[in-house]
Amino acid sequence: MAVSKQQKADILESLKTQFKEAKSIAFTSNSGLTVEEVTKLRNSLREQDAKFLIAKKTLIKIAMKEVYDVEIADELLEGQVAIVLSNGDAVAGMGATNTAMKDLKDKITWVSSYFEGEVKDADQTKEIAGLPSKETLLGRLVGSMQSPISALARFLDAAAKEVEEKGAENLGGLDTPAKEEAPKAEEVKEETKAEEAPAKEEEKTEEEAK
């Protein structure tokens, strides 16, 4: 069914609006995709805050020119073109499409993209689509940070149990200084006798001298 000028104008405005909101824009060439396969792909992209749209190449080129002032060469829009718009993470939508391509075989392939202000060819687009998303990278970072923290927690827990078992006085392997024993009563008596003996001898000597 022929599309009127007004309909084309409406489609163009919609494309321009969606291009402005997108974090990345990628283009695929599609051949023989069924309605069921397209629906499944769109659902997987929706989970990543991304969209899968089909539009005419002429409108795509006009929208890219008016929004980003870039020219998309004809060889970068080969075949029946569809658009992958990533509105959340710039890589997430492309990554979900890349995963779907493994099951869809040659029915859908990358032809180009507009990523971080530059037009990319098919090989560059495929490489970008294979990168992990920001969410995946953050998950890996958190996991790597938790490993040493978990090890430290286990060490502290083990140390606390050891203190409980051995007693705080033995913490760190240091022995408590031994207490000095009090002198026995017998030893005190002997010392007293030893001190009194010289005094008596002195008294005796003085008497003899008289």
N, C-alpha and C. Protein backbone atom coordinates (compact mmCIF):
# COMPACT_ATOMS: atom_id res chain seq x y z
N MET A 1 0.85 -1.19 0.00
CA MET A 1 0.00 0.00 0.00
C MET A 1 0.89 1.24 0.00
N ALA A 2 0.57 2.17 -0.89
CA ALA A 2 1.36 3.40 -1.02
C ALA A 2 1.23 4.25 0.23
N VAL A 3 2.34 4.90 0.58
CA VAL A 3 2.37 5.76 1.75
C VAL A 3 2.27 7.21 1.29
N SER A 4 1.35 7.93 1.86
CA SER A 4 1.15 9.33 1.48
C SER A 4 2.28 10.21 1.99
N LYS A 5 2.35 11.42 1.46
CA LYS A 5 3.38 12.37 1.89
C LYS A 5 3.24 12.70 3.38
N GLN A 6 2.00 12.82 3.82
CA GLN A 6 1.77 13.12 5.23
C GLN A 6 2.25 11.99 6.12
N GLN A 7 2.00 10.77 5.71
CA GLN A 7 2.45 9.61 6.48
C GLN A 7 3.98 9.54 6.53
N LYS A 8 4.60 9.84 5.40
CA LYS A 8 6.07 9.87 5.36
C LYS A 8 6.61 10.94 6.30
N ALA A 9 5.95 12.09 6.29
CA ALA A 9 6.37 13.19 7.16
C ALA A 9 6.23 12.80 8.63
N ASP A 10 5.15 12.11 8.95
CA ASP A 10 4.93 11.66 10.33
C ASP A 10 5.98 10.62 10.76
N ILE A 11 6.27 9.70 9.84
CA ILE A 11 7.28 8.66 10.13
C ILE A 11 8.65 9.31 10.33
N LEU A 12 8.96 10.30 9.48
CA LEU A 12 10.24 10.99 9.58
C LEU A 12 10.36 11.71 10.93
N GLU A 13 9.33 12.38 11.35
CA GLU A 13 9.36 13.09 12.63
C GLU A 13 9.51 12.12 13.79
N SER A 14 8.84 10.98 13.68
CA SER A 14 8.96 9.96 14.72
C SER A 14 10.38 9.42 14.79
N LEU A 15 10.98 9.17 13.61
CA LEU A 15 12.35 8.70 13.57
C LEU A 15 13.31 9.71 14.20
N LYS A 16 13.13 10.96 13.84
CA LYS A 16 14.00 12.01 14.36
C LYS A 16 13.92 12.10 15.90
N THR A 17 12.70 12.00 16.40
CA THR A 17 12.51 12.06 17.85
C THR A 17 13.19 10.88 18.54
N GLN A 18 13.04 9.70 17.97
CA GLN A 18 13.63 8.50 18.57
C GLN A 18 15.15 8.47 18.41
N PHE A 19 15.65 9.02 17.32
CA PHE A 19 17.10 9.11 17.13
C PHE A 19 17.71 10.03 18.18
N LYS A 20 17.04 11.13 18.51
CA LYS A 20 17.54 12.08 19.50
C LYS A 20 17.62 11.45 20.89
N GLU A 21 16.65 10.58 21.19
CA GLU A 21 16.59 9.97 22.52
C GLU A 21 17.54 8.79 22.68
N ALA A 22 17.99 8.21 21.57
CA ALA A 22 18.79 6.99 21.62
C ALA A 22 20.23 7.25 22.05
N LYS A 23 20.78 6.30 22.82
CA LYS A 23 22.19 6.35 23.21
C LYS A 23 23.07 5.79 22.10
N SER A 24 22.52 4.90 21.31
CA SER A 24 23.23 4.37 20.15
C SER A 24 22.20 3.93 19.11
N ILE A 25 22.61 3.95 17.84
CA ILE A 25 21.72 3.57 16.73
C ILE A 25 22.48 2.58 15.86
N ALA A 26 21.92 1.40 15.69
CA ALA A 26 22.56 0.38 14.86
C ALA A 26 21.60 -0.08 13.77
N PHE A 27 22.17 -0.49 12.64
CA PHE A 27 21.36 -0.90 11.50
C PHE A 27 21.67 -2.35 11.12
N THR A 28 20.61 -3.10 10.85
CA THR A 28 20.75 -4.51 10.46
C THR A 28 20.14 -4.73 9.08
N SER A 29 20.64 -5.78 8.43
CA SER A 29 20.05 -6.21 7.16
C SER A 29 19.30 -7.50 7.44
N ASN A 30 18.03 -7.54 7.06
CA ASN A 30 17.17 -8.67 7.41
C ASN A 30 16.69 -9.39 6.16
N SER A 31 16.61 -10.72 6.28
CA SER A 31 16.15 -11.52 5.15
C SER A 31 15.39 -12.74 5.67
N GLY A 32 14.09 -12.76 5.42
CA GLY A 32 13.28 -13.92 5.77
C GLY A 32 12.90 -14.03 7.23
N LEU A 33 12.96 -12.94 7.99
CA LEU A 33 12.51 -12.98 9.38
C LEU A 33 11.00 -13.17 9.44
N THR A 34 10.54 -14.09 10.28
CA THR A 34 9.11 -14.29 10.44
C THR A 34 8.55 -13.29 11.45
N VAL A 35 7.25 -13.17 11.47
CA VAL A 35 6.59 -12.28 12.42
C VAL A 35 6.90 -12.72 13.85
N GLU A 36 6.90 -14.02 14.07
CA GLU A 36 7.19 -14.56 15.40
C GLU A 36 8.62 -14.21 15.84
N GLU A 37 9.57 -14.32 14.92
CA GLU A 37 10.96 -14.02 15.24
C GLU A 37 11.16 -12.53 15.54
N VAL A 38 10.48 -11.67 14.76
CA VAL A 38 10.57 -10.23 14.99
C VAL A 38 9.97 -9.88 16.35
N THR A 39 8.85 -10.50 16.68
CA THR A 39 8.18 -10.24 17.96
C THR A 39 9.06 -10.67 19.12
N LYS A 40 9.69 -11.83 18.99
CA LYS A 40 10.57 -12.33 20.05
C LYS A 40 11.78 -11.40 20.23
N LEU A 41 12.33 -10.92 19.10
CA LEU A 41 13.47 -10.01 19.17
C LEU A 41 13.08 -8.69 19.83
N ARG A 42 11.92 -8.18 19.46
CA ARG A 42 11.45 -6.92 20.06
C ARG A 42 11.23 -7.06 21.56
N ASN A 43 10.73 -8.19 21.98
CA ASN A 43 10.50 -8.42 23.41
C ASN A 43 11.82 -8.45 24.18
N SER A 44 12.83 -9.10 23.60
CA SER A 44 14.13 -9.18 24.27
C SER A 44 14.79 -7.81 24.33
N LEU A 45 14.57 -6.99 23.31
CA LEU A 45 15.13 -5.64 23.30
C LEU A 45 14.40 -4.73 24.30
N ARG A 46 13.11 -4.93 24.42
CA ARG A 46 12.33 -4.12 25.35
C ARG A 46 12.84 -4.29 26.78
N GLU A 47 13.30 -5.48 27.10
CA GLU A 47 13.85 -5.74 28.44
C GLU A 47 15.13 -4.95 28.68
N GLN A 48 15.79 -4.53 27.60
CA GLN A 48 17.03 -3.76 27.69
C GLN A 48 16.80 -2.28 27.40
N ASP A 49 15.53 -1.85 27.43
CA ASP A 49 15.17 -0.47 27.11
C ASP A 49 15.66 -0.10 25.71
N ALA A 50 15.38 -0.99 24.76
CA ALA A 50 15.79 -0.80 23.36
C ALA A 50 14.63 -1.14 22.43
N LYS A 51 14.76 -0.75 21.16
CA LYS A 51 13.68 -0.96 20.19
C LYS A 51 14.23 -1.53 18.89
N PHE A 52 13.36 -2.22 18.18
CA PHE A 52 13.68 -2.75 16.85
C PHE A 52 12.64 -2.21 15.87
N LEU A 53 13.08 -1.32 14.97
CA LEU A 53 12.17 -0.67 14.04
C LEU A 53 12.54 -0.97 12.59
N ILE A 54 11.54 -0.99 11.74
CA ILE A 54 11.78 -1.14 10.30
C ILE A 54 11.33 0.15 9.61
N ALA A 55 12.21 0.71 8.79
CA ALA A 55 11.90 1.97 8.10
C ALA A 55 12.61 2.00 6.76
N LYS A 56 12.16 2.88 5.89
CA LYS A 56 12.77 3.03 4.57
C LYS A 56 14.12 3.72 4.69
N LYS A 57 15.04 3.30 3.84
CA LYS A 57 16.40 3.84 3.88
C LYS A 57 16.41 5.35 3.65
N THR A 58 15.59 5.81 2.75
CA THR A 58 15.59 7.26 2.45
C THR A 58 15.22 8.07 3.70
N LEU A 59 14.24 7.59 4.43
CA LEU A 59 13.83 8.30 5.65
C LEU A 59 14.90 8.20 6.73
N ILE A 60 15.57 7.05 6.82
CA ILE A 60 16.66 6.87 7.79
C ILE A 60 17.78 7.87 7.50
N LYS A 61 18.15 7.98 6.24
CA LYS A 61 19.25 8.88 5.86
C LYS A 61 18.89 10.34 6.13
N ILE A 62 17.65 10.71 5.83
CA ILE A 62 17.21 12.10 6.08
C ILE A 62 17.21 12.39 7.58
N ALA A 63 16.70 11.46 8.38
CA ALA A 63 16.62 11.66 9.83
C ALA A 63 18.02 11.78 10.44
N MET A 64 18.96 10.94 10.00
CA MET A 64 20.32 11.01 10.52
C MET A 64 20.99 12.33 10.14
N LYS A 65 20.71 12.79 8.95
CA LYS A 65 21.29 14.05 8.49
C LYS A 65 20.74 15.23 9.30
N GLU A 66 19.44 15.23 9.53
CA GLU A 66 18.82 16.36 10.22
C GLU A 66 19.10 16.35 11.73
N VAL A 67 19.24 15.18 12.30
CA VAL A 67 19.47 15.09 13.75
C VAL A 67 20.95 15.19 14.10
N TYR A 68 21.80 14.44 13.39
CA TYR A 68 23.22 14.38 13.75
C TYR A 68 24.14 14.98 12.69
N ASP A 69 23.57 15.44 11.61
CA ASP A 69 24.35 16.03 10.52
C ASP A 69 25.42 15.06 10.01
N VAL A 70 25.04 13.81 9.83
CA VAL A 70 25.95 12.80 9.29
C VAL A 70 25.32 12.15 8.06
N GLU A 71 26.19 11.77 7.13
CA GLU A 71 25.75 11.08 5.92
C GLU A 71 25.98 9.58 6.10
N ILE A 72 24.94 8.80 5.88
CA ILE A 72 25.07 7.34 5.91
C ILE A 72 25.17 6.87 4.47
N ALA A 73 26.32 6.33 4.08
CA ALA A 73 26.52 5.86 2.70
C ALA A 73 25.59 4.70 2.38
N ASP A 74 25.24 4.58 1.09
CA ASP A 74 24.32 3.52 0.65
C ASP A 74 24.85 2.14 0.98
N GLU A 75 26.20 1.93 0.89
CA GLU A 75 26.77 0.61 1.15
C GLU A 75 26.70 0.21 2.62
N LEU A 76 26.39 1.20 3.48
CA LEU A 76 26.24 0.90 4.91
C LEU A 76 24.78 0.64 5.29
N LEU A 77 23.92 0.64 4.29
CA LEU A 77 22.50 0.35 4.52
C LEU A 77 22.01 -0.67 3.48
N GLU A 78 22.72 -1.76 3.39
CA GLU A 78 22.38 -2.77 2.39
C GLU A 78 21.20 -3.64 2.83
N GLY A 79 20.46 -4.13 1.85
CA GLY A 79 19.35 -5.05 2.10
C GLY A 79 18.14 -4.36 2.71
N GLN A 80 17.26 -5.17 3.28
CA GLN A 80 16.09 -4.64 3.97
C GLN A 80 16.53 -4.22 5.37
N VAL A 81 16.59 -2.93 5.59
CA VAL A 81 17.20 -2.38 6.81
C VAL A 81 16.21 -2.25 7.96
N ALA A 82 16.71 -2.58 9.14
CA ALA A 82 15.97 -2.35 10.39
C ALA A 82 16.89 -1.58 11.33
N ILE A 83 16.29 -0.97 12.33
CA ILE A 83 17.04 -0.11 13.25
C ILE A 83 16.97 -0.67 14.67
N VAL A 84 18.11 -0.70 15.34
CA VAL A 84 18.17 -1.07 16.76
C VAL A 84 18.51 0.18 17.54
N LEU A 85 17.57 0.67 18.34
CA LEU A 85 17.76 1.88 19.14
C LEU A 85 17.94 1.50 20.60
N SER A 86 19.08 1.88 21.17
CA SER A 86 19.34 1.61 22.59
C SER A 86 19.12 2.90 23.37
N ASN A 87 18.10 2.91 24.22
CA ASN A 87 17.77 4.12 24.97
C ASN A 87 18.35 4.13 26.38
N GLY A 88 18.67 2.97 26.92
CA GLY A 88 19.27 2.89 28.25
C GLY A 88 20.77 2.82 28.12
N ASP A 89 21.31 1.62 28.27
CA ASP A 89 22.73 1.41 28.07
C ASP A 89 23.01 1.37 26.57
N ALA A 90 24.08 2.05 26.14
CA ALA A 90 24.37 2.17 24.72
C ALA A 90 24.67 0.84 24.04
N VAL A 91 25.14 -0.13 24.82
CA VAL A 91 25.54 -1.42 24.25
C VAL A 91 24.49 -2.51 24.47
N ALA A 92 23.64 -2.34 25.48
CA ALA A 92 22.72 -3.40 25.88
C ALA A 92 21.81 -3.87 24.74
N GLY A 93 21.20 -2.92 24.01
CA GLY A 93 20.30 -3.29 22.91
C GLY A 93 21.03 -4.01 21.80
N MET A 94 22.22 -3.52 21.49
CA MET A 94 23.03 -4.17 20.45
C MET A 94 23.46 -5.56 20.90
N GLY A 95 23.76 -5.69 22.20
CA GLY A 95 24.16 -6.99 22.72
C GLY A 95 23.03 -8.01 22.65
N ALA A 96 21.81 -7.57 22.97
CA ALA A 96 20.65 -8.47 22.90
C ALA A 96 20.40 -8.91 21.46
N THR A 97 20.55 -7.99 20.52
CA THR A 97 20.39 -8.32 19.10
C THR A 97 21.48 -9.29 18.66
N ASN A 98 22.70 -9.06 19.14
CA ASN A 98 23.83 -9.92 18.80
C ASN A 98 23.57 -11.35 19.27
N THR A 99 22.97 -11.48 20.46
CA THR A 99 22.64 -12.81 20.98
C THR A 99 21.59 -13.48 20.12
N ALA A 100 20.58 -12.69 19.71
CA ALA A 100 19.51 -13.24 18.87
C ALA A 100 20.04 -13.70 17.52
N MET A 101 21.05 -13.03 17.02
CA MET A 101 21.62 -13.38 15.71
C MET A 101 22.17 -14.79 15.67
N LYS A 102 22.63 -15.29 16.84
CA LYS A 102 23.18 -16.64 16.89
C LYS A 102 22.12 -17.68 16.57
N ASP A 103 20.88 -17.42 16.97
CA ASP A 103 19.78 -18.35 16.70
C ASP A 103 19.16 -18.11 15.32
N LEU A 104 19.19 -16.85 14.88
CA LEU A 104 18.56 -16.52 13.59
C LEU A 104 19.48 -16.74 12.40
N LYS A 105 20.71 -17.14 12.69
CA LYS A 105 21.70 -17.44 11.64
C LYS A 105 21.90 -16.24 10.72
N ASP A 106 21.72 -16.44 9.41
CA ASP A 106 21.98 -15.38 8.42
C ASP A 106 20.75 -14.53 8.11
N LYS A 107 19.68 -14.70 8.89
CA LYS A 107 18.47 -13.93 8.62
C LYS A 107 18.64 -12.46 9.01
N ILE A 108 19.58 -12.17 9.89
CA ILE A 108 19.82 -10.79 10.33
C ILE A 108 21.32 -10.60 10.57
N THR A 109 21.88 -9.54 10.00
CA THR A 109 23.30 -9.25 10.14
C THR A 109 23.50 -7.74 10.35
N TRP A 110 24.62 -7.38 10.94
CA TRP A 110 24.94 -5.96 11.12
C TRP A 110 25.43 -5.35 9.82
N VAL A 111 25.03 -4.11 9.55
CA VAL A 111 25.54 -3.41 8.37
C VAL A 111 26.27 -2.12 8.75
N SER A 112 25.83 -1.45 9.83
CA SER A 112 26.48 -0.22 10.27
C SER A 112 25.86 0.25 11.59
N SER A 113 26.39 1.34 12.11
CA SER A 113 25.84 1.91 13.34
C SER A 113 26.34 3.34 13.51
N TYR A 114 25.70 4.05 14.45
CA TYR A 114 26.15 5.38 14.85
C TYR A 114 26.37 5.30 16.34
N PHE A 115 27.66 5.29 16.74
CA PHE A 115 28.02 5.02 18.13
C PHE A 115 29.04 6.05 18.59
N GLU A 116 28.70 6.71 19.72
CA GLU A 116 29.57 7.74 20.31
C GLU A 116 30.01 8.78 19.29
N GLY A 117 29.05 9.23 18.50
CA GLY A 117 29.30 10.33 17.57
C GLY A 117 29.99 9.96 16.28
N GLU A 118 30.13 8.67 15.99
CA GLU A 118 30.80 8.25 14.77
C GLU A 118 30.02 7.15 14.06
N VAL A 119 30.10 7.16 12.73
CA VAL A 119 29.47 6.11 11.93
C VAL A 119 30.44 4.93 11.86
N LYS A 120 29.93 3.73 12.18
CA LYS A 120 30.76 2.53 12.19
C LYS A 120 30.30 1.58 11.08
N ASP A 121 31.25 0.83 10.51
CA ASP A 121 30.88 -0.13 9.48
C ASP A 121 30.41 -1.43 10.13
N ALA A 122 30.17 -2.46 9.33
CA ALA A 122 29.61 -3.71 9.82
C ALA A 122 30.54 -4.39 10.84
N ASP A 123 31.83 -4.47 10.52
CA ASP A 123 32.77 -5.14 11.42
C ASP A 123 32.91 -4.40 12.75
N GLN A 124 32.98 -3.09 12.68
CA GLN A 124 33.09 -2.29 13.91
C GLN A 124 31.82 -2.42 14.75
N THR A 125 30.68 -2.44 14.08
CA THR A 125 29.41 -2.57 14.80
C THR A 125 29.31 -3.92 15.49
N LYS A 126 29.73 -4.97 14.80
CA LYS A 126 29.71 -6.32 15.37
C LYS A 126 30.61 -6.39 16.60
N GLU A 127 31.76 -5.73 16.53
CA GLU A 127 32.69 -5.72 17.66
C GLU A 127 32.09 -4.99 18.86
N ILE A 128 31.42 -3.85 18.61
CA ILE A 128 30.78 -3.10 19.70
C ILE A 128 29.66 -3.91 20.33
N ALA A 129 28.88 -4.59 19.48
CA ALA A 129 27.75 -5.39 19.98
C ALA A 129 28.21 -6.54 20.86
N GLY A 130 29.45 -6.96 20.71
CA GLY A 130 29.98 -8.06 21.51
C GLY A 130 30.56 -7.62 22.85
N LEU A 131 30.58 -6.31 23.09
CA LEU A 131 31.10 -5.79 24.35
C LEU A 131 30.09 -6.00 25.48
N PRO A 132 30.57 -6.16 26.72
CA PRO A 132 29.64 -6.28 27.86
C PRO A 132 28.98 -4.94 28.15
N SER A 133 27.76 -4.97 28.61
CA SER A 133 27.04 -3.75 28.95
C SER A 133 27.58 -3.16 30.25
N LYS A 134 27.18 -1.92 30.54
CA LYS A 134 27.61 -1.27 31.78
C LYS A 134 27.15 -2.07 33.00
N GLU A 135 25.93 -2.59 32.92
CA GLU A 135 25.40 -3.38 34.05
C GLU A 135 26.24 -4.62 34.30
N THR A 136 26.67 -5.28 33.19
CA THR A 136 27.50 -6.47 33.32
C THR A 136 28.85 -6.13 33.93
N LEU A 137 29.45 -5.03 33.47
CA LEU A 137 30.74 -4.60 34.00
C LEU A 137 30.66 -4.26 35.48
N LEU A 138 29.58 -3.58 35.88
CA LEU A 138 29.40 -3.24 37.29
C LEU A 138 29.24 -4.50 38.14
N GLY A 139 28.51 -5.47 37.59
CA GLY A 139 28.35 -6.73 38.30
C GLY A 139 29.68 -7.43 38.52
N ARG A 140 30.54 -7.40 37.50
CA ARG A 140 31.86 -8.01 37.64
C ARG A 140 32.71 -7.26 38.65
N LEU A 141 32.61 -5.93 38.63
CA LEU A 141 33.38 -5.11 39.56
C LEU A 141 32.96 -5.39 41.00
N VAL A 142 31.65 -5.45 41.24
CA VAL A 142 31.15 -5.73 42.59
C VAL A 142 31.61 -7.11 43.04
N GLY A 143 31.56 -8.07 42.12
CA GLY A 143 31.99 -9.42 42.46
C GLY A 143 33.46 -9.47 42.85
N SER A 144 34.31 -8.74 42.09
CA SER A 144 35.74 -8.73 42.40
C SER A 144 36.02 -8.02 43.72
N MET A 145 35.19 -7.02 44.05
CA MET A 145 35.37 -6.29 45.31
C MET A 145 34.91 -7.13 46.50
N GLN A 146 33.91 -7.96 46.29
CA GLN A 146 33.36 -8.76 47.39
C GLN A 146 34.30 -9.89 47.79
N SER A 147 35.13 -10.38 46.86
CA SER A 147 36.01 -11.51 47.15
C SER A 147 36.97 -11.20 48.29
N PRO A 148 37.78 -10.13 48.23
CA PRO A 148 38.67 -9.85 49.37
C PRO A 148 37.92 -9.49 50.64
N ILE A 149 36.75 -8.84 50.50
CA ILE A 149 35.96 -8.49 51.68
C ILE A 149 35.47 -9.76 52.38
N SER A 150 35.04 -10.74 51.59
CA SER A 150 34.58 -12.00 52.16
C SER A 150 35.72 -12.71 52.87
N ALA A 151 36.92 -12.67 52.25
CA ALA A 151 38.08 -13.31 52.87
C ALA A 151 38.43 -12.64 54.19
N LEU A 152 38.36 -11.30 54.21
CA LEU A 152 38.65 -10.56 55.45
C LEU A 152 37.63 -10.89 56.52
N ALA A 153 36.37 -10.99 56.13
CA ALA A 153 35.31 -11.31 57.10
C ALA A 153 35.53 -12.70 57.70
N ARG A 154 35.94 -13.65 56.85
CA ARG A 154 36.20 -15.00 57.37
C ARG A 154 37.39 -15.00 58.33
N PHE A 155 38.42 -14.21 58.00
CA PHE A 155 39.60 -14.12 58.87
C PHE A 155 39.23 -13.54 60.23
N LEU A 156 38.46 -12.44 60.21
CA LEU A 156 38.07 -11.80 61.47
C LEU A 156 37.18 -12.72 62.30
N ASP A 157 36.32 -13.45 61.65
CA ASP A 157 35.43 -14.38 62.36
C ASP A 157 36.26 -15.49 63.03
N ALA A 158 37.25 -16.00 62.28
CA ALA A 158 38.11 -17.04 62.82
C ALA A 158 38.93 -16.51 63.99
N ALA A 159 39.42 -15.27 63.86
CA ALA A 159 40.21 -14.66 64.93
C ALA A 159 39.37 -14.48 66.19
N ALA A 160 38.13 -14.06 66.01
CA ALA A 160 37.23 -13.86 67.16
C ALA A 160 36.97 -15.17 67.89
N LYS A 161 36.80 -16.24 67.13
CA LYS A 161 36.56 -17.55 67.74
C LYS A 161 37.80 -18.01 68.51
N GLU A 162 38.98 -17.72 67.94
CA GLU A 162 40.22 -18.12 68.60
C GLU A 162 40.40 -17.40 69.93
N VAL A 163 40.03 -16.12 69.95
CA VAL A 163 40.12 -15.34 71.18
C VAL A 163 39.19 -15.93 72.23
N GLU A 164 38.00 -16.30 71.82
CA GLU A 164 37.04 -16.88 72.76
C GLU A 164 37.55 -18.19 73.34
N GLU A 165 38.20 -19.00 72.49
CA GLU A 165 38.66 -20.31 72.94
C GLU A 165 39.89 -20.20 73.85
N LYS A 166 40.84 -19.35 73.52
CA LYS A 166 42.10 -19.27 74.27
C LYS A 166 42.08 -18.25 75.39
N GLY A 167 41.17 -17.29 75.29
CA GLY A 167 41.14 -16.24 76.31
C GLY A 167 41.86 -15.01 75.82
N ALA A 168 41.37 -13.87 76.20
CA ALA A 168 41.92 -12.61 75.72
C ALA A 168 43.37 -12.42 76.15
N GLU A 169 43.80 -13.03 77.29
CA GLU A 169 45.16 -12.81 77.78
C GLU A 169 46.20 -13.43 76.86
N ASN A 170 45.81 -14.38 76.04
CA ASN A 170 46.76 -15.03 75.15
C ASN A 170 46.70 -14.48 73.73
N LEU A 171 45.98 -13.40 73.53
CA LEU A 171 45.82 -12.82 72.20
C LEU A 171 47.18 -12.43 71.63
N GLY A 172 47.42 -12.82 70.43
CA GLY A 172 48.67 -12.46 69.77
C GLY A 172 49.84 -13.30 70.21
N GLY A 173 49.62 -14.34 71.02
CA GLY A 173 50.71 -15.22 71.45
C GLY A 173 51.55 -14.65 72.56
N LEU A 174 51.11 -13.55 73.19
CA LEU A 174 51.87 -12.93 74.27
C LEU A 174 51.45 -13.54 75.61
N ASP A 175 52.43 -13.98 76.42
CA ASP A 175 52.12 -14.56 77.73
C ASP A 175 51.99 -13.46 78.76
N THR A 176 51.05 -13.64 79.68
CA THR A 176 50.88 -12.67 80.76
C THR A 176 52.03 -12.81 81.74
N PRO A 177 52.69 -11.70 82.15
CA PRO A 177 53.83 -11.80 83.09
C PRO A 177 53.43 -12.54 84.38
N ALA A 178 54.33 -13.40 84.85
CA ALA A 178 54.03 -14.20 86.05
C ALA A 178 53.97 -13.30 87.28
N LYS A 179 53.05 -13.60 88.18
CA LYS A 179 52.89 -12.81 89.40
C LYS A 179 53.99 -13.17 90.40
N GLU A 180 54.52 -12.15 91.09
CA GLU A 180 55.55 -12.40 92.10
C GLU A 180 54.91 -13.02 93.34
N GLU A 181 55.52 -14.10 93.81
CA GLU A 181 54.97 -14.79 94.96
C GLU A 181 55.34 -14.04 96.25
N ALA A 182 54.42 -13.98 97.20
CA ALA A 182 54.69 -13.32 98.49
C ALA A 182 55.63 -14.18 99.32
N PRO A 183 56.55 -13.58 100.06
CA PRO A 183 57.48 -14.39 100.89
C PRO A 183 56.72 -15.19 101.95
N LYS A 184 57.21 -16.37 102.23
CA LYS A 184 56.55 -17.24 103.20
C LYS A 184 56.84 -16.75 104.63
N ALA A 185 55.97 -17.13 105.58
CA ALA A 185 56.10 -16.69 106.98
C ALA A 185 57.42 -17.13 107.59
N GLU A 186 57.89 -18.39 107.28
CA GLU A 186 59.14 -18.91 107.82
C GLU A 186 60.33 -18.04 107.40
N GLU A 187 60.29 -17.60 106.08
CA GLU A 187 61.39 -16.81 105.57
C GLU A 187 61.43 -15.46 106.29
N VAL A 188 60.26 -14.89 106.61
CA VAL A 188 60.20 -13.61 107.31
C VAL A 188 60.81 -13.74 108.70
N LYS A 189 60.50 -14.87 109.43
CA LYS A 189 61.03 -15.10 110.76
C LYS A 189 62.54 -15.20 110.74
N GLU A 190 63.08 -15.95 109.76
CA GLU A 190 64.52 -16.15 109.66
C GLU A 190 65.22 -14.82 109.45
N GLU A 191 64.63 -13.98 108.56
CA GLU A 191 65.24 -12.68 108.29
C GLU A 191 65.25 -11.82 109.56
N THR A 192 64.14 -11.90 110.33
CA THR A 192 64.04 -11.10 111.56
C THR A 192 65.10 -11.53 112.57
N LYS A 193 65.31 -12.85 112.73
CA LYS A 193 66.32 -13.36 113.64
C LYS A 193 67.71 -12.90 113.24
N ALA A 194 67.94 -12.93 111.88
CA ALA A 194 69.26 -12.54 111.39
C ALA A 194 69.54 -11.08 111.68
N GLU A 195 68.51 -10.26 111.66
CA GLU A 195 68.69 -8.83 111.92
C GLU A 195 68.88 -8.56 113.42
N GLU A 196 68.24 -9.37 114.32
CA GLU A 196 68.33 -9.15 115.76
C GLU A 196 69.67 -9.62 116.35
N ALA A 197 70.25 -10.65 115.72
CA ALA A 197 71.48 -11.26 116.26
C ALA A 197 72.62 -10.26 116.38
N PRO A 198 72.99 -9.46 115.42
CA PRO A 198 74.10 -8.50 115.56
C PRO A 198 73.83 -7.50 116.67
N ALA A 199 72.57 -7.11 116.84
CA ALA A 199 72.24 -6.12 117.87
C ALA A 199 72.56 -6.66 119.26
N LYS A 200 72.26 -7.93 119.57
CA LYS A 200 72.53 -8.53 120.88
C LYS A 200 74.03 -8.64 121.14
N GLU A 201 74.79 -9.00 120.09
CA GLU A 201 76.24 -9.14 120.23
C GLU A 201 76.85 -7.79 120.61
N GLU A 202 76.32 -6.69 120.04
CA GLU A 202 76.83 -5.36 120.35
C GLU A 202 76.58 -5.03 121.83
N GLU A 203 75.40 -5.38 122.34
CA GLU A 203 75.07 -5.11 123.73
C GLU A 203 76.02 -5.87 124.66
N LYS A 204 76.31 -7.10 124.27
CA LYS A 204 77.17 -7.96 125.08
C LYS A 204 78.60 -7.39 125.17
N THR A 205 79.07 -6.91 124.06
CA THR A 205 80.44 -6.34 123.97
C THR A 205 80.55 -5.10 124.84
N GLU A 206 79.51 -4.29 124.85
CA GLU A 206 79.53 -3.06 125.65
C GLU A 206 79.59 -3.39 127.14
N GLU A 207 78.87 -4.45 127.58
CA GLU A 207 78.86 -4.84 129.00
C GLU A 207 80.25 -5.32 129.44
N GLU A 208 80.93 -6.10 128.55
CA GLU A 208 82.25 -6.60 128.87
C GLU A 208 83.25 -5.46 129.02
N ALA A 209 83.00 -4.43 128.21
CA ALA A 209 83.94 -3.31 128.23
C ALA A 209 83.84 -2.54 129.54
N LYS A 210 82.74 -2.56 130.25
CA LYS A 210 82.55 -1.82 131.49
C LYS A 210 83.36 -2.42 132.58
